[in-house]
Amino acid sequence: MYLFSKESLLSMISVDFMNCIMDSVKLAMISEADITTPIRTTVKRGAKGQSLLLMPCLSDDFWGLKVLTLFPDNPNKGKPFIHGIVALINAEDGEFVAIFNGSLLTSIRTGAVSGLGIRSICDINVKKLGLIGTGVQGYWQLRFACAARRFDEIWIYDNIEDKLSEYKKRLDADFALDMGISVNISKDATSVINKSEVIISATTSKQPLFDGVVKSLYEGKVFVGIGSYTPEMREYPDEFFVNADRVYVDTLHALEETGDLIFPIKNGFLDKEKIMSLSVAFGKETARGTYLYKSVGGASFDLFSAKKIFEIAKKQNMLNNMDF
């Protein structure tokens, strides 16, 4: 059995690698009818919203099992919000083939799912990228977005303003300077929207991030929402959906899982006919418009990403260093 630690996964990161993982989650979406993916099991315990998530997924060649712990108070202690593992299992004999650092694999595949959305529905000439929510996941959202399109500006905002300067330094050091991308700090979420063509929201907010923003501010832009993963959470106000041309989702489970869709549908601001799978955009040229791509994730993305990473490591003769 092989162990894909945080260090070994980070050593594989490149633009080519990220595009390969985007391709793998695209294949997961296309193959949805051929895989078995039960609704994830969530077990909650504790006064601060601590949760244990179990996410199995079975395909013909490999099975996957993801186990995550979510501790919302961890960032206030300087610890990751998510811990976890992903197991890759041979479907022929049930042997556990590999164990992956689940926190990093989750971040990588979530970044890939969003990057695929940007690659599929954004104009090829977009240059300005915004991020609201500068946590660990936001970092990987930016990495994959910049692998999907050639941005030259990034605008960032977080309600914990003290960490923005260090976050900017990290982005500069890790990839932005090498790619010729200017990283800028915004004073609020509305400012990010004003200065960007593509806006990624990666927060755990239960209140809309830009309530009251006028239509002209977000018209013709692409929004990628990854932060709301429960019915109580939401990042987008009802009024946003009145003028949205289309809402894409990574999985149709999103209609029951995220407050970003539950609230506007319930309140009569969003017609379900506007909501469609991202897969309908594959291989097609999308006219410029106001779009939301809502991602809630799924075990199939973990499985297909793990399979692709295992394949890449095997091809590059890296597995000898991961045996345990």
C-alpha atoms as a PDB file:
ATOM      1  CA  MET A   1       0.000   0.000   0.000  1.00  0.00           C
ATOM      2  CA  TYR A   2       1.187   3.497  -0.815  1.00  0.00           C
ATOM      3  CA  LEU A   3       0.943   6.656   1.254  1.00  0.00           C
ATOM      4  CA  PHE A   4       0.411   9.962  -0.525  1.00  0.00           C
ATOM      5  CA  SER A   5       1.420  12.382   2.210  1.00  0.00           C
ATOM      6  CA  LYS A   6       0.992  16.141   2.105  1.00  0.00           C
ATOM      7  CA  GLU A   7       4.631  16.500   1.068  1.00  0.00           C
ATOM      8  CA  SER A   8       4.428  13.973  -1.763  1.00  0.00           C
ATOM      9  CA  LEU A   9       1.242  15.534  -3.133  1.00  0.00           C
ATOM     10  CA  LEU A  10       2.714  19.035  -3.026  1.00  0.00           C
ATOM     11  CA  SER A  11       5.780  17.814  -4.907  1.00  0.00           C
ATOM     12  CA  MET A  12       3.548  16.863  -7.837  1.00  0.00           C
ATOM     13  CA  ILE A  13       1.889  20.279  -8.269  1.00  0.00           C
ATOM     14  CA  SER A  14       2.367  21.946 -11.654  1.00  0.00           C
ATOM     15  CA  VAL A  15       0.104  23.568 -14.245  1.00  0.00           C
ATOM     16  CA  ASP A  16       0.085  20.326 -16.249  1.00  0.00           C
ATOM     17  CA  PHE A  17      -0.771  18.324 -13.117  1.00  0.00           C
ATOM     18  CA  MET A  18      -3.638  20.671 -12.260  1.00  0.00           C
ATOM     19  CA  ASN A  19      -5.088  20.413 -15.757  1.00  0.00           C
ATOM     20  CA  CYS A  20      -4.877  16.616 -15.521  1.00  0.00           C
ATOM     21  CA  ILE A  21      -6.894  16.696 -12.295  1.00  0.00           C
ATOM     22  CA  MET A  22      -9.428  19.016 -13.937  1.00  0.00           C
ATOM     23  CA  ASP A  23      -9.738  16.441 -16.717  1.00  0.00           C
ATOM     24  CA  SER A  24     -10.267  13.701 -14.134  1.00  0.00           C
ATOM     25  CA  VAL A  25     -13.172  15.501 -12.423  1.00  0.00           C
ATOM     26  CA  LYS A  26     -14.627  16.194 -15.853  1.00  0.00           C
ATOM     27  CA  LEU A  27     -14.542  12.443 -16.489  1.00  0.00           C
ATOM     28  CA  ALA A  28     -16.230  11.890 -13.114  1.00  0.00           C
ATOM     29  CA  MET A  29     -19.107  14.150 -14.165  1.00  0.00           C
ATOM     30  CA  ILE A  30     -19.436  12.429 -17.542  1.00  0.00           C
ATOM     31  CA  SER A  31     -19.304   8.966 -15.905  1.00  0.00           C
ATOM     32  CA  GLU A  32     -21.905   9.752 -13.242  1.00  0.00           C
ATOM     33  CA  ALA A  33     -24.335   7.077 -14.471  1.00  0.00           C
ATOM     34  CA  ASP A  34     -21.674   4.359 -14.288  1.00  0.00           C
ATOM     35  CA  ILE A  35     -20.564   4.831 -10.687  1.00  0.00           C
ATOM     36  CA  THR A  36     -22.213   4.129  -7.347  1.00  0.00           C
ATOM     37  CA  THR A  37     -22.180   7.164  -5.075  1.00  0.00           C
ATOM     38  CA  PRO A  38     -24.408   7.030  -1.993  1.00  0.00           C
ATOM     39  CA  ILE A  39     -25.374  10.291  -0.332  1.00  0.00           C
ATOM     40  CA  ARG A  40     -22.621  11.153   2.107  1.00  0.00           C
ATOM     41  CA  THR A  41     -23.153  10.345   5.768  1.00  0.00           C
ATOM     42  CA  THR A  42     -22.721  13.265   8.155  1.00  0.00           C
ATOM     43  CA  VAL A  43     -22.510  12.736  11.882  1.00  0.00           C
ATOM     44  CA  LYS A  44     -22.481  15.810  14.124  1.00  0.00           C
ATOM     45  CA  ARG A  45     -21.354  16.044  17.722  1.00  0.00           C
ATOM     46  CA  GLY A  46     -20.351  19.024  19.815  1.00  0.00           C
ATOM     47  CA  ALA A  47     -21.567  22.533  20.438  1.00  0.00           C
ATOM     48  CA  LYS A  48     -19.412  24.162  17.758  1.00  0.00           C
ATOM     49  CA  GLY A  49     -20.656  22.232  14.744  1.00  0.00           C
ATOM     50  CA  GLN A  50     -18.010  19.499  14.690  1.00  0.00           C
ATOM     51  CA  SER A  51     -18.817  16.888  12.037  1.00  0.00           C
ATOM     52  CA  LEU A  52     -17.618  13.528  10.738  1.00  0.00           C
ATOM     53  CA  LEU A  53     -18.259  12.895   7.032  1.00  0.00           C
ATOM     54  CA  LEU A  54     -18.147   9.482   5.321  1.00  0.00           C
ATOM     55  CA  MET A  55     -18.145   9.543   1.526  1.00  0.00           C
ATOM     56  CA  PRO A  56     -17.916   6.225  -0.366  1.00  0.00           C
ATOM     57  CA  CYS A  57     -17.794   5.905  -4.158  1.00  0.00           C
ATOM     58  CA  LEU A  58     -17.539   2.719  -6.249  1.00  0.00           C
ATOM     59  CA  SER A  59     -16.514   2.331  -9.890  1.00  0.00           C
ATOM     60  CA  ASP A  60     -15.612  -0.748 -11.934  1.00  0.00           C
ATOM     61  CA  ASP A  61     -11.837  -0.523 -11.420  1.00  0.00           C
ATOM     62  CA  PHE A  62     -11.450   1.249  -8.066  1.00  0.00           C
ATOM     63  CA  TRP A  63     -13.476   2.078  -4.993  1.00  0.00           C
ATOM     64  CA  GLY A  64     -12.898   5.121  -2.842  1.00  0.00           C
ATOM     65  CA  LEU A  65     -13.711   5.994   0.746  1.00  0.00           C
ATOM     66  CA  LYS A  66     -13.221   9.461   2.122  1.00  0.00           C
ATOM     67  CA  VAL A  67     -13.336  10.203   5.837  1.00  0.00           C
ATOM     68  CA  LEU A  68     -13.332  13.854   6.914  1.00  0.00           C
ATOM     69  CA  THR A  69     -13.587  15.732  10.173  1.00  0.00           C
ATOM     70  CA  LEU A  70     -14.848  19.321  10.106  1.00  0.00           C
ATOM     71  CA  PHE A  71     -14.067  21.520  13.097  1.00  0.00           C
ATOM     72  CA  PRO A  72     -15.340  25.085  12.426  1.00  0.00           C
ATOM     73  CA  ASP A  73     -13.450  26.593  15.365  1.00  0.00           C
ATOM     74  CA  ASN A  74     -10.060  25.263  14.237  1.00  0.00           C
ATOM     75  CA  PRO A  75      -9.035  28.304  12.133  1.00  0.00           C
ATOM     76  CA  ASN A  76      -9.315  30.453  15.258  1.00  0.00           C
ATOM     77  CA  LYS A  77      -6.732  28.131  16.846  1.00  0.00           C
ATOM     78  CA  GLY A  78      -4.398  28.219  13.860  1.00  0.00           C
ATOM     79  CA  LYS A  79      -5.406  24.694  12.834  1.00  0.00           C
ATOM     80  CA  PRO A  80      -6.976  23.398   9.594  1.00  0.00           C
ATOM     81  CA  PHE A  81     -10.767  23.404   9.358  1.00  0.00           C
ATOM     82  CA  ILE A  82     -10.677  19.948   7.719  1.00  0.00           C
ATOM     83  CA  HIS A  83      -8.711  16.777   8.505  1.00  0.00           C
ATOM     84  CA  GLY A  84      -9.142  13.512   6.693  1.00  0.00           C
ATOM     85  CA  ILE A  85      -7.980  10.592   4.603  1.00  0.00           C
ATOM     86  CA  VAL A  86      -9.005   9.081   1.282  1.00  0.00           C
ATOM     87  CA  ALA A  87      -8.571   5.361   0.666  1.00  0.00           C
ATOM     88  CA  LEU A  88      -8.176   3.954  -2.855  1.00  0.00           C
ATOM     89  CA  ILE A  89      -9.302   0.315  -3.102  1.00  0.00           C
ATOM     90  CA  ASN A  90      -8.820  -2.211  -5.921  1.00  0.00           C
ATOM     91  CA  ALA A  91     -12.311  -3.226  -7.076  1.00  0.00           C
ATOM     92  CA  GLU A  92     -11.105  -6.661  -8.216  1.00  0.00           C
ATOM     93  CA  ASP A  93      -9.986  -7.982  -4.840  1.00  0.00           C
ATOM     94  CA  GLY A  94     -10.775  -5.314  -2.236  1.00  0.00           C
ATOM     95  CA  GLU A  95      -7.120  -4.570  -1.510  1.00  0.00           C
ATOM     96  CA  PHE A  96      -6.352  -1.119  -0.150  1.00  0.00           C
ATOM     97  CA  VAL A  97      -4.015   0.293  -2.788  1.00  0.00           C
ATOM     98  CA  ALA A  98      -3.246   3.756  -1.411  1.00  0.00           C
ATOM     99  CA  ILE A  99      -4.053   6.197   1.376  1.00  0.00           C
ATOM    100  CA  PHE A 100      -4.075   9.925   0.613  1.00  0.00           C
ATOM    101  CA  ASN A 101      -3.840  12.948   2.860  1.00  0.00           C
ATOM    102  CA  GLY A 102      -7.556  13.724   2.740  1.00  0.00           C
ATOM    103  CA  SER A 103      -7.328  17.396   3.631  1.00  0.00           C
ATOM    104  CA  LEU A 104      -4.980  18.214   0.783  1.00  0.00           C
ATOM    105  CA  LEU A 105      -6.667  15.886  -1.701  1.00  0.00           C
ATOM    106  CA  THR A 106      -9.985  17.561  -0.852  1.00  0.00           C
ATOM    107  CA  SER A 107      -8.466  20.972  -1.497  1.00  0.00           C
ATOM    108  CA  ILE A 108      -6.896  19.814  -4.754  1.00  0.00           C
ATOM    109  CA  ARG A 109     -10.025  18.199  -6.151  1.00  0.00           C
ATOM    110  CA  THR A 110     -12.225  21.104  -5.010  1.00  0.00           C
ATOM    111  CA  GLY A 111      -9.859  23.496  -6.743  1.00  0.00           C
ATOM    112  CA  ALA A 112     -10.003  21.257  -9.802  1.00  0.00           C
ATOM    113  CA  VAL A 113     -13.820  21.175  -9.831  1.00  0.00           C
ATOM    114  CA  SER A 114     -13.909  24.978  -9.738  1.00  0.00           C
ATOM    115  CA  GLY A 115     -11.063  25.299 -12.240  1.00  0.00           C
ATOM    116  CA  LEU A 116     -12.982  23.044 -14.602  1.00  0.00           C
ATOM    117  CA  GLY A 117     -15.979  25.354 -14.272  1.00  0.00           C
ATOM    118  CA  ILE A 118     -13.855  28.390 -15.118  1.00  0.00           C
ATOM    119  CA  ARG A 119     -12.314  26.518 -18.031  1.00  0.00           C
ATOM    120  CA  SER A 120     -15.774  25.511 -19.303  1.00  0.00           C
ATOM    121  CA  ILE A 121     -17.909  28.665 -18.982  1.00  0.00           C
ATOM    122  CA  CYS A 122     -15.543  31.646 -18.778  1.00  0.00           C
ATOM    123  CA  ASP A 123     -14.519  33.728 -21.751  1.00  0.00           C
ATOM    124  CA  ILE A 124     -10.966  32.821 -22.713  1.00  0.00           C
ATOM    125  CA  ASN A 125      -9.923  36.485 -22.476  1.00  0.00           C
ATOM    126  CA  VAL A 126     -10.814  37.082 -18.808  1.00  0.00           C
ATOM    127  CA  LYS A 127      -7.949  38.708 -16.949  1.00  0.00           C
ATOM    128  CA  LYS A 128      -9.188  39.745 -13.499  1.00  0.00           C
ATOM    129  CA  LEU A 129      -9.833  37.197 -10.760  1.00  0.00           C
ATOM    130  CA  GLY A 130     -11.333  37.822  -7.332  1.00  0.00           C
ATOM    131  CA  LEU A 131     -11.376  35.752  -4.150  1.00  0.00           C
ATOM    132  CA  ILE A 132     -13.590  36.313  -1.099  1.00  0.00           C
ATOM    133  CA  GLY A 133     -12.398  34.098   1.760  1.00  0.00           C
ATOM    134  CA  THR A 134      -8.662  33.625   2.044  1.00  0.00           C
ATOM    135  CA  GLY A 135      -8.501  30.277   3.810  1.00  0.00           C
ATOM    136  CA  VAL A 136      -6.727  27.099   2.746  1.00  0.00           C
ATOM    137  CA  GLN A 137      -9.389  26.264   0.196  1.00  0.00           C
ATOM    138  CA  GLY A 138      -9.276  29.750  -1.293  1.00  0.00           C
ATOM    139  CA  TYR A 139      -5.575  29.276  -1.988  1.00  0.00           C
ATOM    140  CA  TRP A 140      -6.197  26.165  -4.090  1.00  0.00           C
ATOM    141  CA  GLN A 141      -9.108  27.836  -5.828  1.00  0.00           C
ATOM    142  CA  LEU A 142      -6.703  30.491  -7.067  1.00  0.00           C
ATOM    143  CA  ARG A 143      -4.053  27.957  -8.081  1.00  0.00           C
ATOM    144  CA  PHE A 144      -6.455  26.002 -10.274  1.00  0.00           C
ATOM    145  CA  ALA A 145      -8.190  29.100 -11.632  1.00  0.00           C
ATOM    146  CA  CYS A 146      -4.836  30.407 -12.814  1.00  0.00           C
ATOM    147  CA  ALA A 147      -4.114  27.054 -14.455  1.00  0.00           C
ATOM    148  CA  ALA A 148      -7.463  27.267 -16.275  1.00  0.00           C
ATOM    149  CA  ARG A 149      -7.153  30.845 -17.568  1.00  0.00           C
ATOM    150  CA  ARG A 150      -4.364  33.420 -17.954  1.00  0.00           C
ATOM    151  CA  PHE A 151      -5.261  35.991 -15.320  1.00  0.00           C
ATOM    152  CA  ASP A 152      -3.048  39.025 -14.784  1.00  0.00           C
ATOM    153  CA  GLU A 153      -4.764  40.434 -11.649  1.00  0.00           C
ATOM    154  CA  ILE A 154      -6.001  38.834  -8.426  1.00  0.00           C
ATOM    155  CA  TRP A 155      -8.097  40.731  -5.872  1.00  0.00           C
ATOM    156  CA  ILE A 156      -8.495  39.215  -2.401  1.00  0.00           C
ATOM    157  CA  TYR A 157     -10.629  39.945   0.650  1.00  0.00           C
ATOM    158  CA  ASP A 158     -11.331  38.272   3.979  1.00  0.00           C
ATOM    159  CA  ASN A 159     -13.200  39.490   7.050  1.00  0.00           C
ATOM    160  CA  ILE A 160     -10.083  38.634   9.078  1.00  0.00           C
ATOM    161  CA  GLU A 161      -8.126  41.492   7.561  1.00  0.00           C
ATOM    162  CA  ASP A 162      -4.951  40.866   9.578  1.00  0.00           C
ATOM    163  CA  LYS A 163      -4.050  37.802   7.518  1.00  0.00           C
ATOM    164  CA  LEU A 164      -4.399  39.395   4.075  1.00  0.00           C
ATOM    165  CA  SER A 165      -0.843  40.698   3.849  1.00  0.00           C
ATOM    166  CA  GLU A 166       0.673  37.312   4.673  1.00  0.00           C
ATOM    167  CA  TYR A 167      -1.739  35.635   2.256  1.00  0.00           C
ATOM    168  CA  LYS A 168      -0.639  37.979  -0.519  1.00  0.00           C
ATOM    169  CA  LYS A 169       3.010  37.185   0.241  1.00  0.00           C
ATOM    170  CA  ARG A 170       2.293  33.471   0.002  1.00  0.00           C
ATOM    171  CA  LEU A 171       0.522  33.830  -3.346  1.00  0.00           C
ATOM    172  CA  ASP A 172       3.391  35.935  -4.678  1.00  0.00           C
ATOM    173  CA  ALA A 173       6.012  33.455  -3.512  1.00  0.00           C
ATOM    174  CA  ASP A 174       4.229  30.288  -4.617  1.00  0.00           C
ATOM    175  CA  PHE A 175       3.061  31.205  -8.111  1.00  0.00           C
ATOM    176  CA  ALA A 176       1.791  34.744  -8.751  1.00  0.00           C
ATOM    177  CA  LEU A 177       5.137  36.462  -9.341  1.00  0.00           C
ATOM    178  CA  ASP A 178       6.366  33.651 -11.593  1.00  0.00           C
ATOM    179  CA  MET A 179       3.177  33.872 -13.653  1.00  0.00           C
ATOM    180  CA  GLY A 180       3.266  37.675 -13.860  1.00  0.00           C
ATOM    181  CA  ILE A 181       0.079  38.084 -11.814  1.00  0.00           C
ATOM    182  CA  SER A 182      -0.482  41.148  -9.639  1.00  0.00           C
ATOM    183  CA  VAL A 183      -2.055  40.307  -6.254  1.00  0.00           C
ATOM    184  CA  ASN A 184      -4.065  43.104  -4.644  1.00  0.00           C
ATOM    185  CA  ILE A 185      -5.886  43.472  -1.299  1.00  0.00           C
ATOM    186  CA  SER A 186      -9.484  44.745  -1.400  1.00  0.00           C
ATOM    187  CA  LYS A 187     -11.272  46.652   1.357  1.00  0.00           C
ATOM    188  CA  ASP A 188     -14.466  44.563   1.184  1.00  0.00           C
ATOM    189  CA  ALA A 189     -16.343  41.916  -0.808  1.00  0.00           C
ATOM    190  CA  THR A 190     -18.099  44.486  -2.985  1.00  0.00           C
ATOM    191  CA  SER A 191     -14.753  45.907  -4.036  1.00  0.00           C
ATOM    192  CA  VAL A 192     -13.615  42.437  -5.131  1.00  0.00           C
ATOM    193  CA  ILE A 193     -16.703  42.093  -7.321  1.00  0.00           C
ATOM    194  CA  ASN A 194     -16.221  45.565  -8.769  1.00  0.00           C
ATOM    195  CA  LYS A 195     -12.629  44.902  -9.825  1.00  0.00           C
ATOM    196  CA  SER A 196     -12.967  41.289 -11.055  1.00  0.00           C
ATOM    197  CA  GLU A 197     -14.453  39.409 -14.000  1.00  0.00           C
ATOM    198  CA  VAL A 198     -14.432  36.052 -12.241  1.00  0.00           C
ATOM    199  CA  ILE A 199     -15.233  35.932  -8.521  1.00  0.00           C
ATOM    200  CA  ILE A 200     -14.663  32.931  -6.259  1.00  0.00           C
ATOM    201  CA  SER A 201     -16.366  32.840  -2.865  1.00  0.00           C
ATOM    202  CA  ALA A 202     -14.890  30.442  -0.320  1.00  0.00           C
ATOM    203  CA  THR A 203     -16.388  31.314   3.049  1.00  0.00           C
ATOM    204  CA  THR A 204     -18.533  29.608   5.684  1.00  0.00           C
ATOM    205  CA  SER A 205     -20.930  32.549   5.869  1.00  0.00           C
ATOM    206  CA  LYS A 206     -24.589  32.136   6.792  1.00  0.00           C
ATOM    207  CA  GLN A 207     -25.371  35.605   5.462  1.00  0.00           C
ATOM    208  CA  PRO A 208     -24.987  36.845   1.850  1.00  0.00           C
ATOM    209  CA  LEU A 209     -21.588  38.357   1.185  1.00  0.00           C
ATOM    210  CA  PHE A 210     -22.811  41.264  -0.914  1.00  0.00           C
ATOM    211  CA  ASP A 211     -26.421  41.938  -0.015  1.00  0.00           C
ATOM    212  CA  GLY A 212     -27.776  45.018  -1.754  1.00  0.00           C
ATOM    213  CA  VAL A 213     -25.158  45.125  -4.511  1.00  0.00           C
ATOM    214  CA  VAL A 214     -26.638  46.733  -7.626  1.00  0.00           C
ATOM    215  CA  LYS A 215     -27.216  44.605 -10.704  1.00  0.00           C
ATOM    216  CA  SER A 216     -24.687  46.493 -12.853  1.00  0.00           C
ATOM    217  CA  LEU A 217     -21.884  45.485 -10.481  1.00  0.00           C
ATOM    218  CA  TYR A 218     -22.131  41.760 -11.129  1.00  0.00           C
ATOM    219  CA  GLU A 219     -23.716  41.747 -14.577  1.00  0.00           C
ATOM    220  CA  GLY A 220     -21.731  39.774 -17.174  1.00  0.00           C
ATOM    221  CA  LYS A 221     -19.473  38.147 -14.588  1.00  0.00           C
ATOM    222  CA  VAL A 222     -18.860  34.548 -13.554  1.00  0.00           C
ATOM    223  CA  PHE A 223     -19.191  33.619  -9.888  1.00  0.00           C
ATOM    224  CA  VAL A 224     -17.867  30.387  -8.414  1.00  0.00           C
ATOM    225  CA  GLY A 225     -19.394  29.504  -5.042  1.00  0.00           C
ATOM    226  CA  ILE A 226     -17.775  26.782  -2.964  1.00  0.00           C
ATOM    227  CA  GLY A 227     -18.312  27.948   0.598  1.00  0.00           C
ATOM    228  CA  SER A 228     -21.938  27.013   1.297  1.00  0.00           C
ATOM    229  CA  TYR A 229     -22.058  23.251   1.818  1.00  0.00           C
ATOM    230  CA  THR A 230     -25.024  22.996   4.220  1.00  0.00           C
ATOM    231  CA  PRO A 231     -28.656  24.196   3.992  1.00  0.00           C
ATOM    232  CA  GLU A 232     -27.949  26.891   6.597  1.00  0.00           C
ATOM    233  CA  MET A 233     -25.025  28.480   4.757  1.00  0.00           C
ATOM    234  CA  ARG A 234     -25.302  30.975   1.933  1.00  0.00           C
ATOM    235  CA  GLU A 235     -23.003  33.408   0.167  1.00  0.00           C
ATOM    236  CA  TYR A 236     -25.353  34.851  -2.468  1.00  0.00           C
ATOM    237  CA  PRO A 237     -28.442  37.045  -1.901  1.00  0.00           C
ATOM    238  CA  ASP A 238     -31.840  36.213  -3.379  1.00  0.00           C
ATOM    239  CA  GLU A 239     -31.713  39.252  -5.662  1.00  0.00           C
ATOM    240  CA  PHE A 240     -28.586  37.960  -7.389  1.00  0.00           C
ATOM    241  CA  PHE A 241     -30.559  35.125  -8.959  1.00  0.00           C
ATOM    242  CA  VAL A 242     -33.193  37.355 -10.561  1.00  0.00           C
ATOM    243  CA  ASN A 243     -30.595  38.606 -13.041  1.00  0.00           C
ATOM    244  CA  ALA A 244     -28.404  35.509 -13.294  1.00  0.00           C
ATOM    245  CA  ASP A 245     -28.607  34.039 -16.786  1.00  0.00           C
ATOM    246  CA  ARG A 246     -27.790  30.546 -15.640  1.00  0.00           C
ATOM    247  CA  VAL A 247     -26.751  28.537 -12.587  1.00  0.00           C
ATOM    248  CA  TYR A 248     -24.421  25.587 -13.075  1.00  0.00           C
ATOM    249  CA  VAL A 249     -23.812  22.886 -10.464  1.00  0.00           C
ATOM    250  CA  ASP A 250     -21.153  20.205 -10.160  1.00  0.00           C
ATOM    251  CA  THR A 251     -23.781  17.734  -8.929  1.00  0.00           C
ATOM    252  CA  LEU A 252     -27.571  17.933  -8.785  1.00  0.00           C
ATOM    253  CA  HIS A 253     -27.350  17.019  -5.084  1.00  0.00           C
ATOM    254  CA  ALA A 254     -26.541  20.717  -4.667  1.00  0.00           C
ATOM    255  CA  LEU A 255     -30.240  21.558  -4.838  1.00  0.00           C
ATOM    256  CA  GLU A 256     -30.759  19.848  -1.469  1.00  0.00           C
ATOM    257  CA  GLU A 257     -27.364  20.522   0.128  1.00  0.00           C
ATOM    258  CA  THR A 258     -26.658  24.236  -0.119  1.00  0.00           C
ATOM    259  CA  GLY A 259     -28.488  27.264   1.187  1.00  0.00           C
ATOM    260  CA  ASP A 260     -27.192  29.153  -1.843  1.00  0.00           C
ATOM    261  CA  LEU A 261     -29.851  27.335  -3.882  1.00  0.00           C
ATOM    262  CA  ILE A 262     -32.386  26.293  -1.243  1.00  0.00           C
ATOM    263  CA  PHE A 263     -33.177  29.854  -0.095  1.00  0.00           C
ATOM    264  CA  PRO A 264     -33.645  31.559  -3.488  1.00  0.00           C
ATOM    265  CA  ILE A 265     -35.733  28.640  -4.797  1.00  0.00           C
ATOM    266  CA  LYS A 266     -37.914  28.653  -1.685  1.00  0.00           C
ATOM    267  CA  ASN A 267     -38.312  32.430  -1.792  1.00  0.00           C
ATOM    268  CA  GLY A 268     -39.264  32.449  -5.465  1.00  0.00           C
ATOM    269  CA  PHE A 269     -36.147  34.177  -6.795  1.00  0.00           C
ATOM    270  CA  LEU A 270     -34.643  31.200  -8.639  1.00  0.00           C
ATOM    271  CA  ASP A 271     -36.409  28.987 -11.157  1.00  0.00           C
ATOM    272  CA  LYS A 272     -35.115  25.417 -11.157  1.00  0.00           C
ATOM    273  CA  GLU A 273     -35.125  25.523 -14.948  1.00  0.00           C
ATOM    274  CA  LYS A 274     -32.153  27.895 -14.755  1.00  0.00           C
ATOM    275  CA  ILE A 275     -30.100  25.248 -12.927  1.00  0.00           C
ATOM    276  CA  MET A 276     -28.124  22.704 -14.916  1.00  0.00           C
ATOM    277  CA  SER A 277     -25.150  20.417 -14.632  1.00  0.00           C
ATOM    278  CA  LEU A 278     -21.806  21.874 -15.655  1.00  0.00           C
ATOM    279  CA  SER A 279     -21.463  18.909 -18.015  1.00  0.00           C
ATOM    280  CA  VAL A 280     -23.882  20.552 -20.477  1.00  0.00           C
ATOM    281  CA  ALA A 281     -21.198  23.183 -21.130  1.00  0.00           C
ATOM    282  CA  PHE A 282     -18.461  20.704 -22.008  1.00  0.00           C
ATOM    283  CA  GLY A 283     -17.201  21.162 -25.558  1.00  0.00           C
ATOM    284  CA  LYS A 284     -19.449  24.168 -26.187  1.00  0.00           C
ATOM    285  CA  GLU A 285     -18.728  27.867 -26.447  1.00  0.00           C
ATOM    286  CA  THR A 286     -20.626  29.724 -23.725  1.00  0.00           C
ATOM    287  CA  ALA A 287     -21.903  33.195 -24.511  1.00  0.00           C
ATOM    288  CA  ARG A 288     -20.808  35.870 -22.065  1.00  0.00           C
ATOM    289  CA  GLY A 289     -23.356  36.362 -19.302  1.00  0.00           C
ATOM    290  CA  THR A 290     -23.974  36.433 -15.577  1.00  0.00           C
ATOM    291  CA  TYR A 291     -23.370  32.939 -14.270  1.00  0.00           C
ATOM    292  CA  LEU A 292     -23.046  31.198 -10.936  1.00  0.00           C
ATOM    293  CA  TYR A 293     -21.232  27.897 -10.782  1.00  0.00           C
ATOM    294  CA  LYS A 294     -22.144  26.278  -7.461  1.00  0.00           C
ATOM    295  CA  SER A 295     -19.947  23.447  -6.230  1.00  0.00           C
ATOM    296  CA  VAL A 296     -20.750  21.231  -3.256  1.00  0.00           C
ATOM    297  CA  GLY A 297     -18.393  18.391  -4.172  1.00  0.00           C
ATOM    298  CA  GLY A 298     -18.905  14.661  -4.121  1.00  0.00           C
ATOM    299  CA  ALA A 299     -17.092  11.408  -3.507  1.00  0.00           C
ATOM    300  CA  SER A 300     -16.748  10.717  -7.233  1.00  0.00           C
ATOM    301  CA  PHE A 301     -14.409  13.710  -7.562  1.00  0.00           C
ATOM    302  CA  ASP A 302     -12.213  12.344  -4.777  1.00  0.00           C
ATOM    303  CA  LEU A 303     -12.143   8.879  -6.348  1.00  0.00           C
ATOM    304  CA  PHE A 304     -11.322  10.071  -9.868  1.00  0.00           C
ATOM    305  CA  SER A 305      -8.715  12.536  -8.593  1.00  0.00           C
ATOM    306  CA  ALA A 306      -7.089   9.825  -6.462  1.00  0.00           C
ATOM    307  CA  LYS A 307      -7.042   7.457  -9.432  1.00  0.00           C
ATOM    308  CA  LYS A 308      -5.421  10.090 -11.648  1.00  0.00           C
ATOM    309  CA  ILE A 309      -2.796  11.004  -9.031  1.00  0.00           C
ATOM    310  CA  PHE A 310      -1.975   7.318  -8.534  1.00  0.00           C
ATOM    311  CA  GLU A 311      -1.659   6.918 -12.307  1.00  0.00           C
ATOM    312  CA  ILE A 312       0.633   9.952 -12.607  1.00  0.00           C
ATOM    313  CA  ALA A 313       2.827   8.775  -9.722  1.00  0.00           C
ATOM    314  CA  LYS A 314       3.087   5.306 -11.256  1.00  0.00           C
ATOM    315  CA  LYS A 315       4.005   6.714 -14.664  1.00  0.00           C
ATOM    316  CA  GLN A 316       6.657   8.963 -13.118  1.00  0.00           C
ATOM    317  CA  ASN A 317       8.149   6.110 -11.047  1.00  0.00           C
ATOM    318  CA  MET A 318       7.321   7.859  -7.783  1.00  0.00           C
ATOM    319  CA  LEU A 319       5.622   4.957  -5.994  1.00  0.00           C
ATOM    320  CA  ASN A 320       8.797   3.456  -4.529  1.00  0.00           C
ATOM    321  CA  ASN A 321       9.091   6.495  -2.280  1.00  0.00           C
ATOM    322  CA  MET A 322       5.490   6.120  -1.082  1.00  0.00           C
ATOM    323  CA  ASP A 323       5.402   2.448  -0.063  1.00  0.00           C
ATOM    324  CA  PHE A 324       4.570   1.728   3.576  1.00  0.00           C
END
